[in-house]
Amino acid sequence: MFFSFPRDFKEKQFKPGAKNQFFWGDTVLITRVSIEPDRNFGIAIHPYEQLSVLLEGELEFQIGDEVRMLRKGDGVVIPPNTTHRARTYSTPAVLLECFGPASKEEFLA
């Protein structure tokens, strides 16, 4: 498929308070993540490079030991096998995330 529309996205909830909508190519996965207010997600680590852009809201993001508050339009690059976490406060947030190389089987298993 060369075009992907919201009606085609697959949906999955990995953690309470966050809804992921996915679409993917052969080696790259993109997900739109909607996060409820007052959510604190613990440390994550995975073998994929991750690029994220905040589309709405505010989000505290930690990569390694560095913590920053992200606002609409801000982005992060997370190298493979690097610890990271995210936290919302009083407002919801929406992120666009890209992972590569990654396959849908790994994410949707």
C-alpha atoms as a PDB file:
ATOM      1  CA  MET A   1       0.000   0.000   0.000  1.00  0.00           C
ATOM      2  CA  PHE A   2       1.410   3.408  -0.939  1.00  0.00           C
ATOM      3  CA  PHE A   3      -1.157   5.574   0.842  1.00  0.00           C
ATOM      4  CA  SER A   4      -2.300   5.284   4.427  1.00  0.00           C
ATOM      5  CA  PHE A   5      -5.269   7.049   5.998  1.00  0.00           C
ATOM      6  CA  PRO A   6      -6.502   7.145   9.597  1.00  0.00           C
ATOM      7  CA  ARG A   7      -9.230   4.600   8.790  1.00  0.00           C
ATOM      8  CA  ASP A   8      -6.427   2.178   7.795  1.00  0.00           C
ATOM      9  CA  PHE A   9      -4.371   2.597  10.986  1.00  0.00           C
ATOM     10  CA  LYS A  10      -4.134  -0.316  13.383  1.00  0.00           C
ATOM     11  CA  GLU A  11      -4.726   0.575  17.013  1.00  0.00           C
ATOM     12  CA  LYS A  12      -3.112  -0.830  20.157  1.00  0.00           C
ATOM     13  CA  GLN A  13      -2.795   0.227  23.775  1.00  0.00           C
ATOM     14  CA  PHE A  14       0.627  -0.714  25.165  1.00  0.00           C
ATOM     15  CA  LYS A  15       0.195   1.117  28.469  1.00  0.00           C
ATOM     16  CA  PRO A  16      -2.839   2.477  30.306  1.00  0.00           C
ATOM     17  CA  GLY A  17      -3.425   6.099  29.376  1.00  0.00           C
ATOM     18  CA  ALA A  18      -1.860   5.940  25.903  1.00  0.00           C
ATOM     19  CA  LYS A  19      -3.466   4.918  22.609  1.00  0.00           C
ATOM     20  CA  ASN A  20      -1.255   4.098  19.606  1.00  0.00           C
ATOM     21  CA  GLN A  21      -2.358   4.178  15.966  1.00  0.00           C
ATOM     22  CA  PHE A  22       0.118   2.536  13.569  1.00  0.00           C
ATOM     23  CA  PHE A  23       1.085   2.340   9.959  1.00  0.00           C
ATOM     24  CA  TRP A  24       4.292   0.949   8.527  1.00  0.00           C
ATOM     25  CA  GLY A  25       6.444   0.218   5.534  1.00  0.00           C
ATOM     26  CA  ASP A  26       8.879  -2.648   5.117  1.00  0.00           C
ATOM     27  CA  THR A  27      11.389  -1.383   7.712  1.00  0.00           C
ATOM     28  CA  VAL A  28       9.890   1.789   9.239  1.00  0.00           C
ATOM     29  CA  LEU A  29       6.958   2.122  11.616  1.00  0.00           C
ATOM     30  CA  ILE A  30       5.089   5.355  12.374  1.00  0.00           C
ATOM     31  CA  THR A  31       2.683   5.710  15.267  1.00  0.00           C
ATOM     32  CA  ARG A  32       0.444   8.506  16.490  1.00  0.00           C
ATOM     33  CA  VAL A  33       0.302   8.321  20.287  1.00  0.00           C
ATOM     34  CA  SER A  34      -2.468  10.024  22.262  1.00  0.00           C
ATOM     35  CA  ILE A  35      -1.537  10.339  25.949  1.00  0.00           C
ATOM     36  CA  GLU A  36      -3.950  11.241  28.742  1.00  0.00           C
ATOM     37  CA  PRO A  37      -3.079  13.923  31.342  1.00  0.00           C
ATOM     38  CA  ASP A  38      -1.130  12.969  34.478  1.00  0.00           C
ATOM     39  CA  ARG A  39       0.569   9.879  33.038  1.00  0.00           C
ATOM     40  CA  ASN A  40       4.077   8.831  33.977  1.00  0.00           C
ATOM     41  CA  PHE A  41       5.548   6.111  31.797  1.00  0.00           C
ATOM     42  CA  GLY A  42       8.526   4.303  33.227  1.00  0.00           C
ATOM     43  CA  ILE A  43      11.881   3.798  31.609  1.00  0.00           C
ATOM     44  CA  ALA A  44      11.815   2.191  28.163  1.00  0.00           C
ATOM     45  CA  ILE A  45      14.597   0.799  26.014  1.00  0.00           C
ATOM     46  CA  HIS A  46      14.451  -0.900  22.602  1.00  0.00           C
ATOM     47  CA  PRO A  47      16.780  -1.809  19.707  1.00  0.00           C
ATOM     48  CA  TYR A  48      15.248   0.746  17.303  1.00  0.00           C
ATOM     49  CA  GLU A  49      16.131   4.332  16.540  1.00  0.00           C
ATOM     50  CA  GLN A  50      13.159   6.512  17.501  1.00  0.00           C
ATOM     51  CA  LEU A  51      12.258   9.987  16.269  1.00  0.00           C
ATOM     52  CA  SER A  52       9.326  11.774  17.903  1.00  0.00           C
ATOM     53  CA  VAL A  53       7.597  15.123  17.327  1.00  0.00           C
ATOM     54  CA  LEU A  54       5.087  16.570  19.770  1.00  0.00           C
ATOM     55  CA  LEU A  55       1.938  17.532  17.838  1.00  0.00           C
ATOM     56  CA  GLU A  56      -0.189  18.727  20.774  1.00  0.00           C
ATOM     57  CA  GLY A  57       0.184  19.495  24.470  1.00  0.00           C
ATOM     58  CA  GLU A  58       3.268  19.375  26.678  1.00  0.00           C
ATOM     59  CA  LEU A  59       5.388  16.389  27.609  1.00  0.00           C
ATOM     60  CA  GLU A  60       8.354  15.885  29.886  1.00  0.00           C
ATOM     61  CA  PHE A  61      10.853  13.659  28.110  1.00  0.00           C
ATOM     62  CA  GLN A  62      13.985  12.027  29.483  1.00  0.00           C
ATOM     63  CA  ILE A  63      16.684  10.541  27.258  1.00  0.00           C
ATOM     64  CA  GLY A  64      19.514   8.972  29.226  1.00  0.00           C
ATOM     65  CA  ASP A  65      20.114  11.410  32.112  1.00  0.00           C
ATOM     66  CA  GLU A  66      18.814  14.522  30.305  1.00  0.00           C
ATOM     67  CA  VAL A  67      15.271  15.756  31.042  1.00  0.00           C
ATOM     68  CA  ARG A  68      13.480  18.417  28.971  1.00  0.00           C
ATOM     69  CA  MET A  69       9.952  19.764  28.704  1.00  0.00           C
ATOM     70  CA  LEU A  70       8.670  19.442  25.136  1.00  0.00           C
ATOM     71  CA  ARG A  71       6.081  21.760  23.644  1.00  0.00           C
ATOM     72  CA  LYS A  72       4.157  21.599  20.383  1.00  0.00           C
ATOM     73  CA  GLY A  73       6.589  21.217  17.474  1.00  0.00           C
ATOM     74  CA  ASP A  74       9.541  20.026  19.589  1.00  0.00           C
ATOM     75  CA  GLY A  75      11.181  16.733  18.710  1.00  0.00           C
ATOM     76  CA  VAL A  76      13.622  14.139  19.988  1.00  0.00           C
ATOM     77  CA  VAL A  77      15.982  11.592  18.472  1.00  0.00           C
ATOM     78  CA  ILE A  78      16.588   8.488  20.569  1.00  0.00           C
ATOM     79  CA  PRO A  79      19.439   6.205  19.487  1.00  0.00           C
ATOM     80  CA  PRO A  80      18.934   2.424  19.659  1.00  0.00           C
ATOM     81  CA  ASN A  81      19.327   0.846  23.116  1.00  0.00           C
ATOM     82  CA  THR A  82      19.054   4.192  24.940  1.00  0.00           C
ATOM     83  CA  THR A  83      16.885   4.541  28.048  1.00  0.00           C
ATOM     84  CA  HIS A  84      14.060   7.059  27.836  1.00  0.00           C
ATOM     85  CA  ARG A  85      10.750   7.932  29.461  1.00  0.00           C
ATOM     86  CA  ALA A  86       7.847  10.366  29.048  1.00  0.00           C
ATOM     87  CA  ARG A  87       5.411  12.082  31.394  1.00  0.00           C
ATOM     88  CA  THR A  88       2.357  14.288  30.946  1.00  0.00           C
ATOM     89  CA  TYR A  89       1.090  16.672  33.582  1.00  0.00           C
ATOM     90  CA  SER A  90      -2.273  18.487  33.512  1.00  0.00           C
ATOM     91  CA  THR A  91      -2.801  18.411  29.739  1.00  0.00           C
ATOM     92  CA  PRO A  92      -3.002  15.553  27.244  1.00  0.00           C
ATOM     93  CA  ALA A  93      -0.323  15.143  24.575  1.00  0.00           C
ATOM     94  CA  VAL A  94      -0.150  13.759  21.041  1.00  0.00           C
ATOM     95  CA  LEU A  95       3.124  12.490  19.572  1.00  0.00           C
ATOM     96  CA  LEU A  96       4.092  11.347  16.106  1.00  0.00           C
ATOM     97  CA  GLU A  97       6.778   8.664  16.458  1.00  0.00           C
ATOM     98  CA  CYS A  98       8.918   6.876  13.900  1.00  0.00           C
ATOM     99  CA  PHE A  99      10.876   3.672  14.587  1.00  0.00           C
ATOM    100  CA  GLY A 100      13.401   2.006  12.347  1.00  0.00           C
ATOM    101  CA  PRO A 101      14.327  -0.515  11.427  1.00  0.00           C
ATOM    102  CA  ALA A 102      11.188  -2.146  12.793  1.00  0.00           C
ATOM    103  CA  SER A 103       8.526  -4.563  11.616  1.00  0.00           C
ATOM    104  CA  LYS A 104       4.836  -4.619  12.403  1.00  0.00           C
ATOM    105  CA  GLU A 105       5.178  -8.170  13.726  1.00  0.00           C
ATOM    106  CA  GLU A 106       7.502  -6.980  16.485  1.00  0.00           C
ATOM    107  CA  PHE A 107       5.214  -4.143  17.536  1.00  0.00           C
ATOM    108  CA  LEU A 108       1.826  -5.778  17.151  1.00  0.00           C
ATOM    109  CA  ALA A 109       2.695  -9.215  18.553  1.00  0.00           C
END
